[in-house]
Amino acid sequence: MIKIITTAVLFAFLQTAHAQKGFKPIFDGKTTAGWHTYGKTTASAGWKVEDGVLHFDPEAAKNGQGGDLVTDAEYENFHLKLDWKVAPNANSGIIFYVNDNPTKYKNTYETGLEMQVLDNDGHSDGKITKHRAGDLYDLIQSKSEPVKPVGEWNTAEVVCKNGKLTLVLNGVIIVETVLWDDNFKALVAGSKFAGWPGFGTFKKGHIALQDHGNNVWYRNISIKEWNTMETTTGCK
């Protein structure tokens, strides 16, 4: 009982703190309300809510109960903030500007951009440039790697405003770029996504948390639409 009360109080405090800065929670800490598995209308059983934390459990995801978890709402100019941690050897991702059209696009990553979530030392992707934690996956390598050890919580931020993208990990700006201009198109053309007609083209879309078949946890998921990202990122 003490553990339950403490967790609830802590979650409420953190949610209030975010709200005071203009953020609104998009995960209530109790249910998967506001989210659905890509290609479905509700969240699959692989995504569990445990003590204010959203946990992807690969065991529970068996028999077709996995899949990326996607927001019901779409976002255009936004500041997303959340915490994540991974199990040893795990891989996941924060995917944004997803076009929720599974008839046309089988996977979220066929349209959305990804901030990598990874055990850099334990997963094979850690050996690939632009595939490490915090990277704009397969497009831009992080300026630095302020990622914490496996099992510890990291705070990630995705800031998008009028085509300017900033990725922040544990308070450090690690990626800055402009989307949809000629330079961005050249980055895509030099990546694994070259030839994917829908990739990185949508300027409004859903946010997804990736099922990569490994244990991963997310909490304190909140968003701000729009106005004061310079307060926390230094961007304008």
Protein backbone atom coordinates (compact mmCIF):
# COMPACT_ATOMS: atom_id res chain seq x y z
CA MET A 1 0.00 0.00 0.00
CA ILE A 2 2.83 2.41 0.85
CA LYS A 3 4.48 1.72 -2.53
CA ILE A 4 1.22 2.37 -4.39
CA ILE A 5 0.58 5.66 -2.60
CA THR A 6 4.16 6.83 -3.12
CA THR A 7 4.08 6.06 -6.83
CA ALA A 8 0.73 7.77 -7.29
CA VAL A 9 1.86 10.88 -5.42
CA LEU A 10 5.10 11.06 -7.40
CA PHE A 11 3.28 10.64 -10.70
CA ALA A 12 0.78 13.37 -9.79
CA PHE A 13 3.60 15.72 -8.80
CA LEU A 14 5.48 15.21 -12.04
CA GLN A 15 2.35 15.62 -14.13
CA THR A 16 1.55 18.86 -12.31
CA ALA A 17 5.10 20.14 -12.82
CA HIS A 18 4.85 19.56 -16.57
CA ALA A 19 1.42 21.19 -16.71
CA GLN A 20 2.80 24.30 -15.02
CA LYS A 21 5.25 24.69 -17.90
CA GLY A 22 2.53 24.45 -20.52
CA PHE A 23 2.78 20.71 -21.06
CA LYS A 24 -0.23 18.42 -20.99
CA PRO A 25 0.01 14.70 -20.27
CA ILE A 26 -0.83 12.35 -23.13
CA PHE A 27 -0.39 9.25 -20.94
CA ASP A 28 -2.49 9.28 -17.77
CA GLY A 29 -0.35 6.76 -15.89
CA LYS A 30 -3.30 4.44 -15.38
CA THR A 31 -4.59 3.35 -18.78
CA THR A 32 -3.71 3.43 -22.49
CA ALA A 33 -6.52 5.91 -23.15
CA GLY A 34 -5.59 8.17 -26.05
CA TRP A 35 -3.41 5.50 -27.66
CA HIS A 36 -3.90 2.53 -29.97
CA THR A 37 -1.74 -0.08 -31.61
CA TYR A 38 -0.91 0.79 -35.21
CA GLY A 39 -3.51 -0.83 -37.44
CA LYS A 40 -5.93 -1.40 -34.56
CA THR A 41 -8.46 0.66 -32.63
CA THR A 42 -7.17 -0.12 -29.12
CA ALA A 43 -3.85 -0.87 -27.45
CA SER A 44 -2.62 -4.45 -27.67
CA ALA A 45 -1.96 -6.51 -24.53
CA GLY A 46 1.80 -6.20 -25.01
CA TRP A 47 1.59 -2.62 -23.76
CA LYS A 48 1.02 -2.72 -20.00
CA VAL A 49 0.50 0.08 -17.51
CA GLU A 50 2.39 -0.61 -14.27
CA ASP A 51 2.68 1.89 -11.40
CA GLY A 52 2.43 4.93 -13.68
CA VAL A 53 4.76 3.42 -16.30
CA LEU A 54 4.00 2.19 -19.80
CA HIS A 55 5.83 -1.12 -20.31
CA PHE A 56 6.20 -3.06 -23.53
CA ASP A 57 6.33 -6.70 -22.45
CA PRO A 58 7.38 -9.05 -25.27
CA GLU A 59 5.97 -12.06 -23.44
CA ALA A 60 2.53 -10.48 -23.28
CA ALA A 61 2.90 -9.43 -26.93
CA LYS A 62 2.90 -12.98 -28.22
CA ASN A 63 0.06 -14.23 -30.43
CA GLY A 64 -0.36 -10.94 -32.26
CA GLN A 65 -0.60 -8.73 -29.18
CA GLY A 66 2.34 -6.47 -30.05
CA GLY A 67 2.82 -3.59 -32.46
CA ASP A 68 3.81 0.05 -32.19
CA LEU A 69 1.69 2.17 -29.84
CA VAL A 70 0.35 5.30 -31.53
CA THR A 71 -1.37 8.43 -30.25
CA ASP A 72 -4.96 8.93 -31.28
CA ALA A 73 -4.20 12.61 -31.86
CA GLU A 74 -2.01 14.19 -34.53
CA TYR A 75 0.56 16.91 -33.89
CA GLU A 76 2.19 19.52 -36.10
CA ASN A 77 4.28 22.02 -34.09
CA PHE A 78 5.03 20.47 -30.72
CA HIS A 79 7.43 19.82 -27.87
CA LEU A 80 7.24 16.20 -26.72
CA LYS A 81 8.87 15.18 -23.47
CA LEU A 82 9.08 11.70 -21.91
CA ASP A 83 11.27 9.34 -19.92
CA TRP A 84 12.49 5.99 -21.21
CA LYS A 85 14.61 3.09 -20.07
CA VAL A 86 15.52 -0.20 -21.71
CA ALA A 87 16.39 -3.71 -20.63
CA PRO A 88 19.82 -5.10 -21.56
CA ASN A 89 20.20 -5.59 -25.34
CA ALA A 90 16.94 -3.76 -26.04
CA ASN A 91 15.88 -1.56 -28.94
CA SER A 92 12.90 0.77 -29.34
CA GLY A 93 12.21 4.24 -30.70
CA ILE A 94 10.17 7.41 -30.45
CA ILE A 95 8.61 7.90 -33.89
CA PHE A 96 6.88 11.11 -34.93
CA TYR A 97 5.01 12.56 -37.91
CA VAL A 98 3.51 9.11 -38.47
CA ASN A 99 0.79 8.85 -41.09
CA ASP A 100 -1.74 6.47 -39.53
CA ASN A 101 -2.70 4.67 -42.72
CA PRO A 102 -1.83 0.96 -42.33
CA THR A 103 -3.55 0.11 -45.60
CA LYS A 104 -0.97 2.18 -47.47
CA TYR A 105 1.95 2.00 -45.02
CA LYS A 106 2.49 -1.28 -43.19
CA ASN A 107 4.71 0.20 -40.45
CA THR A 108 4.96 3.48 -38.55
CA TYR A 109 8.56 3.93 -39.64
CA GLU A 110 7.58 3.97 -43.30
CA THR A 111 6.42 7.57 -42.77
CA GLY A 112 7.64 8.73 -39.36
CA LEU A 113 11.04 9.98 -38.22
CA GLU A 114 12.64 8.24 -35.25
CA MET A 115 14.64 9.25 -32.20
CA GLN A 116 16.49 6.05 -31.38
CA VAL A 117 15.98 4.31 -28.01
CA LEU A 118 18.69 1.68 -27.46
CA ASP A 119 21.12 -0.21 -25.28
CA ASN A 120 24.17 1.06 -27.17
CA ASP A 121 26.52 -1.58 -25.79
CA GLY A 122 24.21 -4.58 -25.86
CA HIS A 123 22.32 -4.25 -29.13
CA SER A 124 23.88 -4.72 -32.56
CA ASP A 125 22.52 -1.36 -33.74
CA GLY A 126 24.95 0.26 -31.32
CA LYS A 127 27.73 -0.62 -33.73
CA ILE A 128 26.10 1.32 -36.58
CA THR A 129 26.63 5.04 -37.06
CA LYS A 130 23.37 7.01 -36.77
CA HIS A 131 21.66 4.04 -35.07
CA ARG A 132 22.70 4.77 -31.47
CA ALA A 133 20.53 6.13 -28.65
CA GLY A 134 19.38 9.67 -29.37
CA ASP A 135 20.30 9.64 -33.06
CA LEU A 136 17.78 10.76 -35.66
CA TYR A 137 17.68 7.19 -36.86
CA ASP A 138 19.76 6.52 -39.98
CA LEU A 139 19.81 10.24 -40.82
CA ILE A 140 21.84 12.25 -38.29
CA GLN A 141 24.32 11.14 -35.63
CA SER A 142 24.04 12.76 -32.20
CA LYS A 143 26.53 15.53 -31.35
CA SER A 144 27.21 13.75 -28.04
CA GLU A 145 25.92 10.74 -26.10
CA PRO A 146 24.52 11.76 -22.70
CA VAL A 147 22.58 8.49 -22.48
CA LYS A 148 22.48 6.82 -19.05
CA PRO A 149 23.41 3.19 -18.31
CA VAL A 150 20.93 0.44 -19.10
CA GLY A 151 18.16 0.24 -16.52
CA GLU A 152 18.32 3.95 -15.66
CA TRP A 153 15.77 6.52 -16.78
CA ASN A 154 16.57 8.93 -19.60
CA THR A 155 14.58 12.05 -20.44
CA ALA A 156 14.06 12.63 -24.16
CA GLU A 157 12.59 15.65 -25.91
CA VAL A 158 11.47 16.06 -29.50
CA VAL A 159 10.91 19.68 -30.46
CA CYS A 160 9.37 20.52 -33.84
CA LYS A 161 8.44 24.03 -34.93
CA ASN A 162 7.86 25.16 -38.49
CA GLY A 163 10.29 22.60 -39.85
CA LYS A 164 13.03 23.08 -37.28
CA LEU A 165 13.73 19.86 -35.37
CA THR A 166 15.68 19.61 -32.14
CA LEU A 167 16.33 16.39 -30.19
CA VAL A 168 17.33 16.66 -26.55
CA LEU A 169 18.55 13.84 -24.30
CA ASN A 170 18.95 14.35 -20.55
CA GLY A 171 18.99 18.11 -20.98
CA VAL A 172 21.63 18.12 -23.75
CA ILE A 173 20.82 19.20 -27.33
CA ILE A 174 22.11 16.34 -29.47
CA VAL A 175 20.51 16.87 -32.89
CA GLU A 176 19.46 20.06 -34.69
CA THR A 177 18.25 20.13 -38.27
CA VAL A 178 15.66 21.56 -40.64
CA LEU A 179 13.08 19.20 -42.08
CA TRP A 180 11.81 19.03 -45.64
CA ASP A 181 14.38 21.32 -47.26
CA ASP A 182 16.92 20.25 -49.92
CA ASN A 183 19.49 19.24 -47.31
CA PHE A 184 16.95 17.03 -45.55
CA LYS A 185 15.94 15.44 -48.84
CA ALA A 186 19.63 14.70 -49.49
CA LEU A 187 19.90 13.03 -46.07
CA VAL A 188 16.94 10.81 -46.87
CA ALA A 189 18.36 9.99 -50.31
CA GLY A 190 21.57 8.80 -48.64
CA SER A 191 19.78 6.65 -46.06
CA LYS A 192 18.03 3.29 -45.92
CA PHE A 193 14.80 5.18 -46.54
CA ALA A 194 15.74 6.26 -50.05
CA GLY A 195 13.00 5.09 -52.37
CA TRP A 196 10.33 5.10 -49.65
CA PRO A 197 7.89 7.67 -51.09
CA GLY A 198 6.08 8.45 -47.84
CA PHE A 199 9.06 8.62 -45.50
CA GLY A 200 9.62 11.95 -43.76
CA THR A 201 7.14 13.80 -45.95
CA PHE A 202 4.26 14.43 -43.55
CA LYS A 203 4.23 17.75 -41.67
CA LYS A 204 1.52 16.65 -39.27
CA GLY A 205 1.13 13.20 -37.79
CA HIS A 206 0.92 10.83 -34.87
CA ILE A 207 3.56 9.91 -32.29
CA ALA A 208 4.48 6.25 -31.86
CA LEU A 209 6.42 4.16 -29.35
CA GLN A 210 8.10 1.27 -31.09
CA ASP A 211 7.68 -2.42 -30.43
CA HIS A 212 11.05 -3.85 -31.43
CA GLY A 213 10.45 -7.10 -29.54
CA ASN A 214 12.30 -6.04 -26.37
CA ASN A 215 11.41 -4.83 -22.89
CA VAL A 216 11.19 -1.04 -22.79
CA TRP A 217 9.51 1.39 -20.39
CA TYR A 218 8.10 4.91 -20.88
CA ARG A 219 6.68 7.36 -18.36
CA ASN A 220 5.80 11.07 -17.89
CA ILE A 221 4.74 11.44 -21.52
CA SER A 222 3.63 15.02 -22.10
CA ILE A 223 3.38 17.50 -24.94
CA LYS A 224 3.16 21.22 -25.55
CA GLU A 225 1.56 22.72 -28.66
CA TRP A 226 2.96 25.51 -29.05
CA ASN A 227 4.74 28.38 -27.85
CA THR A 228 7.76 28.47 -25.60
CA MET A 229 10.35 25.85 -26.57
CA GLU A 230 13.17 28.37 -26.07
CA THR A 231 12.59 28.01 -22.32
CA THR A 232 13.92 24.46 -22.24
CA THR A 233 15.93 24.00 -25.43
CA GLY A 234 17.42 27.35 -26.34
CA CYS A 235 15.77 27.09 -29.76
CA LYS A 236 13.66 29.72 -31.44
